Amino acid sequence: MNVFDFDNTLYHGESAVDLALYMIKTNKRIIKYLPSIFINLIKYKLCMVEKKKMVIAINDFLKNALRDKEELFSAVEGFWQKNNCKLDKNMLKKIKKDDVIITAGPDFLINGIRELLNTENIICSRIDDDKMKVKYLNFGSNKVRRFKAVYRNTPIKRFYTDSFNDKALMDISDEVYIVKKGRLKRIK
């Protein structure tokens, strides 16, 4: 089985950040959250983000920046109509029906393009869209926890990611490939 990260691996960019930027045109309250979004993105890139603080920041954004879940779902639909061109076609071709996509990205965002991803095996962060609150943050070691809960001891032949935030998944994979703008570099 092969496993694929999503952001900066199958999608060129950070999809949740891109969604927030997309939503600004219809919801100016989001502008207030941009500094926090970018600070957390930098911490993420430097592998310095703490799960608890990330959950607090996401919950704050969901509850205070967004009007309701209808606004969110409508934005996701429009976002993917505009941004599905940022999906890496060559990387998507590597995905087989039995492969897994595992991402910290929220379920409501990934579900908007599920039919384009070549697999139904997708593990992502879960958001309670009625309460606008994180139910499960699929980040760092939580990715391994969820993978093992779903697939038990199924070995990972190849793992594709852009980030050392996925070290826990790297450790349980036979081969690891770092993806940078569609280029692959085997590191394990």
C-alpha atoms as a PDB file:
ATOM      1  CA  MET A   1       0.000   0.000   0.000  1.00  0.00           C
ATOM      2  CA  ASN A   2       1.159   3.527  -0.794  1.00  0.00           C
ATOM      3  CA  VAL A   3       0.222   6.504   1.373  1.00  0.00           C
ATOM      4  CA  PHE A   4       0.044  10.129   0.239  1.00  0.00           C
ATOM      5  CA  ASP A   5      -0.024  13.368   2.195  1.00  0.00           C
ATOM      6  CA  PHE A   6      -2.283  15.995   0.579  1.00  0.00           C
ATOM      7  CA  ASP A   7      -1.065  19.594   0.958  1.00  0.00           C
ATOM      8  CA  ASN A   8       2.077  20.371  -1.040  1.00  0.00           C
ATOM      9  CA  THR A   9       2.087  16.764  -2.201  1.00  0.00           C
ATOM     10  CA  LEU A  10      -1.119  16.187  -4.171  1.00  0.00           C
ATOM     11  CA  TYR A  11      -2.154  19.851  -3.997  1.00  0.00           C
ATOM     12  CA  HIS A  12       0.227  22.720  -4.771  1.00  0.00           C
ATOM     13  CA  GLY A  13      -0.103  24.805  -1.618  1.00  0.00           C
ATOM     14  CA  GLU A  14      -1.838  24.660   1.744  1.00  0.00           C
ATOM     15  CA  SER A  15      -5.475  24.067   0.844  1.00  0.00           C
ATOM     16  CA  ALA A  16      -6.965  25.294   4.156  1.00  0.00           C
ATOM     17  CA  VAL A  17      -4.980  28.539   3.950  1.00  0.00           C
ATOM     18  CA  ASP A  18      -5.991  28.956   0.309  1.00  0.00           C
ATOM     19  CA  LEU A  19      -9.638  28.383   1.297  1.00  0.00           C
ATOM     20  CA  ALA A  20      -9.437  31.111   3.975  1.00  0.00           C
ATOM     21  CA  LEU A  21      -7.929  33.527   1.439  1.00  0.00           C
ATOM     22  CA  TYR A  22     -10.638  32.596  -1.084  1.00  0.00           C
ATOM     23  CA  MET A  23     -13.360  33.269   1.496  1.00  0.00           C
ATOM     24  CA  ILE A  24     -12.184  36.819   2.211  1.00  0.00           C
ATOM     25  CA  LYS A  25     -14.073  38.147  -0.812  1.00  0.00           C
ATOM     26  CA  THR A  26     -17.390  37.256   0.835  1.00  0.00           C
ATOM     27  CA  ASN A  27     -16.430  37.431   4.530  1.00  0.00           C
ATOM     28  CA  LYS A  28     -14.162  40.286   5.615  1.00  0.00           C
ATOM     29  CA  ARG A  29     -14.004  38.966   9.223  1.00  0.00           C
ATOM     30  CA  ILE A  30     -11.465  36.427   8.005  1.00  0.00           C
ATOM     31  CA  ILE A  31      -8.913  39.213   7.464  1.00  0.00           C
ATOM     32  CA  LYS A  32      -8.603  39.511  11.254  1.00  0.00           C
ATOM     33  CA  TYR A  33      -7.381  35.880  11.370  1.00  0.00           C
ATOM     34  CA  LEU A  34      -4.733  36.151   8.646  1.00  0.00           C
ATOM     35  CA  PRO A  35      -1.850  36.974  11.025  1.00  0.00           C
ATOM     36  CA  SER A  36      -2.691  33.928  13.150  1.00  0.00           C
ATOM     37  CA  ILE A  37      -3.076  31.744  10.058  1.00  0.00           C
ATOM     38  CA  PHE A  38       0.319  32.779   8.691  1.00  0.00           C
ATOM     39  CA  ILE A  39       2.110  32.524  12.061  1.00  0.00           C
ATOM     40  CA  ASN A  40       0.742  28.990  12.491  1.00  0.00           C
ATOM     41  CA  LEU A  41       1.718  28.138   8.914  1.00  0.00           C
ATOM     42  CA  ILE A  42       5.299  29.252   9.592  1.00  0.00           C
ATOM     43  CA  LYS A  43       5.386  27.226  12.822  1.00  0.00           C
ATOM     44  CA  TYR A  44       4.030  24.246  10.884  1.00  0.00           C
ATOM     45  CA  LYS A  45       6.712  24.579   8.203  1.00  0.00           C
ATOM     46  CA  LEU A  46       9.374  24.751  10.927  1.00  0.00           C
ATOM     47  CA  CYS A  47       7.869  21.669  12.682  1.00  0.00           C
ATOM     48  CA  MET A  48       7.193  23.808  15.769  1.00  0.00           C
ATOM     49  CA  VAL A  49       3.394  23.641  15.947  1.00  0.00           C
ATOM     50  CA  GLU A  50       1.687  22.257  19.039  1.00  0.00           C
ATOM     51  CA  LYS A  51      -1.471  20.185  18.495  1.00  0.00           C
ATOM     52  CA  LYS A  52      -3.398  21.743  21.396  1.00  0.00           C
ATOM     53  CA  LYS A  53      -2.660  25.289  20.250  1.00  0.00           C
ATOM     54  CA  MET A  54      -3.534  24.356  16.682  1.00  0.00           C
ATOM     55  CA  VAL A  55      -6.935  22.997  17.783  1.00  0.00           C
ATOM     56  CA  ILE A  56      -7.629  26.168  19.782  1.00  0.00           C
ATOM     57  CA  ALA A  57      -6.749  28.369  16.779  1.00  0.00           C
ATOM     58  CA  ILE A  58      -8.886  26.313  14.385  1.00  0.00           C
ATOM     59  CA  ASN A  59     -11.860  26.277  16.768  1.00  0.00           C
ATOM     60  CA  ASP A  60     -11.582  30.044  17.266  1.00  0.00           C
ATOM     61  CA  PHE A  61     -11.537  30.590  13.502  1.00  0.00           C
ATOM     62  CA  LEU A  62     -14.484  28.239  12.855  1.00  0.00           C
ATOM     63  CA  LYS A  63     -16.669  29.726  15.597  1.00  0.00           C
ATOM     64  CA  ASN A  64     -15.854  33.404  15.212  1.00  0.00           C
ATOM     65  CA  ALA A  65     -14.841  34.039  11.619  1.00  0.00           C
ATOM     66  CA  LEU A  66     -17.520  31.996   9.875  1.00  0.00           C
ATOM     67  CA  ARG A  67     -21.242  32.718   9.864  1.00  0.00           C
ATOM     68  CA  ASP A  68     -22.430  29.104   9.694  1.00  0.00           C
ATOM     69  CA  LYS A  69     -21.813  25.745   8.046  1.00  0.00           C
ATOM     70  CA  GLU A  70     -23.777  26.766   4.921  1.00  0.00           C
ATOM     71  CA  GLU A  71     -21.264  29.564   4.320  1.00  0.00           C
ATOM     72  CA  LEU A  72     -18.468  27.033   4.729  1.00  0.00           C
ATOM     73  CA  PHE A  73     -19.916  24.413   2.367  1.00  0.00           C
ATOM     74  CA  SER A  74     -20.782  27.018  -0.251  1.00  0.00           C
ATOM     75  CA  ALA A  75     -17.248  28.406  -0.072  1.00  0.00           C
ATOM     76  CA  VAL A  76     -15.719  24.920  -0.416  1.00  0.00           C
ATOM     77  CA  GLU A  77     -17.710  24.287  -3.583  1.00  0.00           C
ATOM     78  CA  GLY A  78     -16.637  27.590  -5.161  1.00  0.00           C
ATOM     79  CA  PHE A  79     -13.081  27.151  -3.940  1.00  0.00           C
ATOM     80  CA  TRP A  80     -12.658  23.786  -5.663  1.00  0.00           C
ATOM     81  CA  GLN A  81     -14.222  25.058  -8.887  1.00  0.00           C
ATOM     82  CA  LYS A  82     -11.492  27.688  -8.951  1.00  0.00           C
ATOM     83  CA  ASN A  83      -8.598  25.729  -7.407  1.00  0.00           C
ATOM     84  CA  ASN A  84      -8.838  22.123  -8.562  1.00  0.00           C
ATOM     85  CA  CYS A  85      -6.232  23.164 -11.147  1.00  0.00           C
ATOM     86  CA  LYS A  86      -3.745  23.161  -8.224  1.00  0.00           C
ATOM     87  CA  LEU A  87      -4.080  19.388  -7.901  1.00  0.00           C
ATOM     88  CA  ASP A  88      -0.935  17.698  -9.195  1.00  0.00           C
ATOM     89  CA  LYS A  89      -2.147  15.488 -12.068  1.00  0.00           C
ATOM     90  CA  ASN A  90       1.067  13.438 -12.151  1.00  0.00           C
ATOM     91  CA  MET A  91       0.925  12.698  -8.438  1.00  0.00           C
ATOM     92  CA  LEU A  92      -2.766  11.824  -8.665  1.00  0.00           C
ATOM     93  CA  LYS A  93      -1.933   9.277 -11.372  1.00  0.00           C
ATOM     94  CA  LYS A  94       0.249   7.428  -8.849  1.00  0.00           C
ATOM     95  CA  ILE A  95      -2.728   6.772  -6.570  1.00  0.00           C
ATOM     96  CA  LYS A  96      -4.294   3.333  -6.885  1.00  0.00           C
ATOM     97  CA  LYS A  97      -7.713   2.324  -5.592  1.00  0.00           C
ATOM     98  CA  ASP A  98      -6.240   0.623  -2.504  1.00  0.00           C
ATOM     99  CA  ASP A  99      -3.838   3.452  -1.617  1.00  0.00           C
ATOM    100  CA  VAL A 100      -4.475   5.933   1.207  1.00  0.00           C
ATOM    101  CA  ILE A 101      -4.474   9.715   1.382  1.00  0.00           C
ATOM    102  CA  ILE A 102      -3.785  10.977   4.889  1.00  0.00           C
ATOM    103  CA  THR A 103      -3.945  14.672   5.676  1.00  0.00           C
ATOM    104  CA  ALA A 104      -4.275  17.169   8.490  1.00  0.00           C
ATOM    105  CA  GLY A 105      -6.725  18.988   6.221  1.00  0.00           C
ATOM    106  CA  PRO A 106     -10.364  19.111   7.309  1.00  0.00           C
ATOM    107  CA  ASP A 107     -12.902  16.591   6.064  1.00  0.00           C
ATOM    108  CA  PHE A 108     -15.271  19.263   4.713  1.00  0.00           C
ATOM    109  CA  LEU A 109     -12.521  20.514   2.399  1.00  0.00           C
ATOM    110  CA  ILE A 110     -11.283  17.131   1.161  1.00  0.00           C
ATOM    111  CA  ASN A 111     -14.839  15.855   0.647  1.00  0.00           C
ATOM    112  CA  GLY A 112     -15.324  18.632  -1.908  1.00  0.00           C
ATOM    113  CA  ILE A 113     -12.996  16.824  -4.350  1.00  0.00           C
ATOM    114  CA  ARG A 114     -13.169  13.235  -3.163  1.00  0.00           C
ATOM    115  CA  GLU A 115     -14.186  12.014  -6.638  1.00  0.00           C
ATOM    116  CA  LEU A 116     -10.943  13.386  -8.133  1.00  0.00           C
ATOM    117  CA  LEU A 117      -8.609  11.576  -5.734  1.00  0.00           C
ATOM    118  CA  ASN A 118      -8.687   8.021  -7.218  1.00  0.00           C
ATOM    119  CA  THR A 119      -9.265   6.368  -3.830  1.00  0.00           C
ATOM    120  CA  GLU A 120     -11.964   6.215  -1.187  1.00  0.00           C
ATOM    121  CA  ASN A 121      -9.311   5.585   1.487  1.00  0.00           C
ATOM    122  CA  ILE A 122      -8.958   9.086   2.891  1.00  0.00           C
ATOM    123  CA  ILE A 123      -8.081   9.955   6.482  1.00  0.00           C
ATOM    124  CA  CYS A 124      -8.347  13.619   7.438  1.00  0.00           C
ATOM    125  CA  SER A 125      -9.107  15.881  10.365  1.00  0.00           C
ATOM    126  CA  ARG A 126     -12.730  15.666  11.399  1.00  0.00           C
ATOM    127  CA  ILE A 127     -14.763  18.768  12.061  1.00  0.00           C
ATOM    128  CA  ASP A 128     -18.169  18.811  13.748  1.00  0.00           C
ATOM    129  CA  ASP A 129     -19.805  21.203  11.312  1.00  0.00           C
ATOM    130  CA  ASP A 130     -22.856  21.720  13.562  1.00  0.00           C
ATOM    131  CA  LYS A 131     -20.722  22.862  16.503  1.00  0.00           C
ATOM    132  CA  MET A 132     -17.980  24.299  14.235  1.00  0.00           C
ATOM    133  CA  LYS A 133     -15.369  22.522  16.308  1.00  0.00           C
ATOM    134  CA  VAL A 134     -12.470  20.096  15.743  1.00  0.00           C
ATOM    135  CA  LYS A 135     -13.443  16.515  16.621  1.00  0.00           C
ATOM    136  CA  TYR A 136     -10.080  14.998  15.668  1.00  0.00           C
ATOM    137  CA  LEU A 137      -6.933  16.755  14.481  1.00  0.00           C
ATOM    138  CA  ASN A 138      -5.172  14.364  12.129  1.00  0.00           C
ATOM    139  CA  PHE A 139      -1.720  15.833  12.582  1.00  0.00           C
ATOM    140  CA  GLY A 140       1.722  14.476  13.536  1.00  0.00           C
ATOM    141  CA  SER A 141       1.570  11.261  15.531  1.00  0.00           C
ATOM    142  CA  ASN A 142      -2.243  11.364  15.297  1.00  0.00           C
ATOM    143  CA  LYS A 143      -1.858  10.380  11.633  1.00  0.00           C
ATOM    144  CA  VAL A 144      -0.174   7.115  12.646  1.00  0.00           C
ATOM    145  CA  ARG A 145      -2.771   6.547  15.375  1.00  0.00           C
ATOM    146  CA  ARG A 146      -5.652   6.875  12.864  1.00  0.00           C
ATOM    147  CA  PHE A 147      -3.842   4.869  10.190  1.00  0.00           C
ATOM    148  CA  LYS A 148      -3.308   1.975  12.597  1.00  0.00           C
ATOM    149  CA  ALA A 149      -6.886   2.199  13.881  1.00  0.00           C
ATOM    150  CA  VAL A 150      -8.203   1.827  10.335  1.00  0.00           C
ATOM    151  CA  TYR A 151      -5.583  -0.381   8.650  1.00  0.00           C
ATOM    152  CA  ARG A 152      -4.096  -2.182  11.670  1.00  0.00           C
ATOM    153  CA  ASN A 153      -0.619  -3.471  10.797  1.00  0.00           C
ATOM    154  CA  THR A 154      -0.879  -3.039   7.030  1.00  0.00           C
ATOM    155  CA  PRO A 155       2.627  -2.108   5.895  1.00  0.00           C
ATOM    156  CA  ILE A 156       3.233   1.145   4.035  1.00  0.00           C
ATOM    157  CA  LYS A 157       5.393   0.456   1.000  1.00  0.00           C
ATOM    158  CA  ARG A 158       5.811   4.079  -0.139  1.00  0.00           C
ATOM    159  CA  PHE A 159       4.942   7.280   1.657  1.00  0.00           C
ATOM    160  CA  TYR A 160       4.843  10.611  -0.201  1.00  0.00           C
ATOM    161  CA  THR A 161       4.941  13.881   1.766  1.00  0.00           C
ATOM    162  CA  ASP A 162       6.387  17.378   1.709  1.00  0.00           C
ATOM    163  CA  SER A 163       7.033  17.736   5.422  1.00  0.00           C
ATOM    164  CA  PHE A 164       9.010  16.315   8.302  1.00  0.00           C
ATOM    165  CA  ASN A 165       5.903  16.985  10.400  1.00  0.00           C
ATOM    166  CA  ASP A 166       5.042  13.506   9.063  1.00  0.00           C
ATOM    167  CA  LYS A 167       8.079  11.880  10.711  1.00  0.00           C
ATOM    168  CA  ALA A 168       5.864   9.410  12.599  1.00  0.00           C
ATOM    169  CA  LEU A 169       4.483   8.103   9.280  1.00  0.00           C
ATOM    170  CA  MET A 170       7.956   8.138   7.744  1.00  0.00           C
ATOM    171  CA  ASP A 171       9.154   5.884  10.545  1.00  0.00           C
ATOM    172  CA  ILE A 172       6.601   3.153   9.723  1.00  0.00           C
ATOM    173  CA  SER A 173       7.068   3.315   5.937  1.00  0.00           C
ATOM    174  CA  ASP A 174       9.451   1.179   3.869  1.00  0.00           C
ATOM    175  CA  GLU A 175      10.219   3.982   1.404  1.00  0.00           C
ATOM    176  CA  VAL A 176       9.735   7.735   1.899  1.00  0.00           C
ATOM    177  CA  TYR A 177       9.628  10.361  -0.829  1.00  0.00           C
ATOM    178  CA  ILE A 178       9.773  14.101  -0.219  1.00  0.00           C
ATOM    179  CA  VAL A 179       7.677  15.949  -2.788  1.00  0.00           C
ATOM    180  CA  LYS A 180       8.658  19.473  -3.839  1.00  0.00           C
ATOM    181  CA  LYS A 181       6.610  21.019  -6.650  1.00  0.00           C
ATOM    182  CA  GLY A 182       5.920  17.617  -8.169  1.00  0.00           C
ATOM    183  CA  ARG A 183       9.536  16.424  -7.946  1.00  0.00           C
ATOM    184  CA  LEU A 184      10.314  13.383  -5.845  1.00  0.00           C
ATOM    185  CA  LYS A 185      13.371  12.752  -3.716  1.00  0.00           C
ATOM    186  CA  ARG A 186      13.683   9.416  -1.968  1.00  0.00           C
ATOM    187  CA  ILE A 187      14.971   9.882   1.573  1.00  0.00           C
ATOM    188  CA  LYS A 188      14.372   6.393   2.927  1.00  0.00           C
END
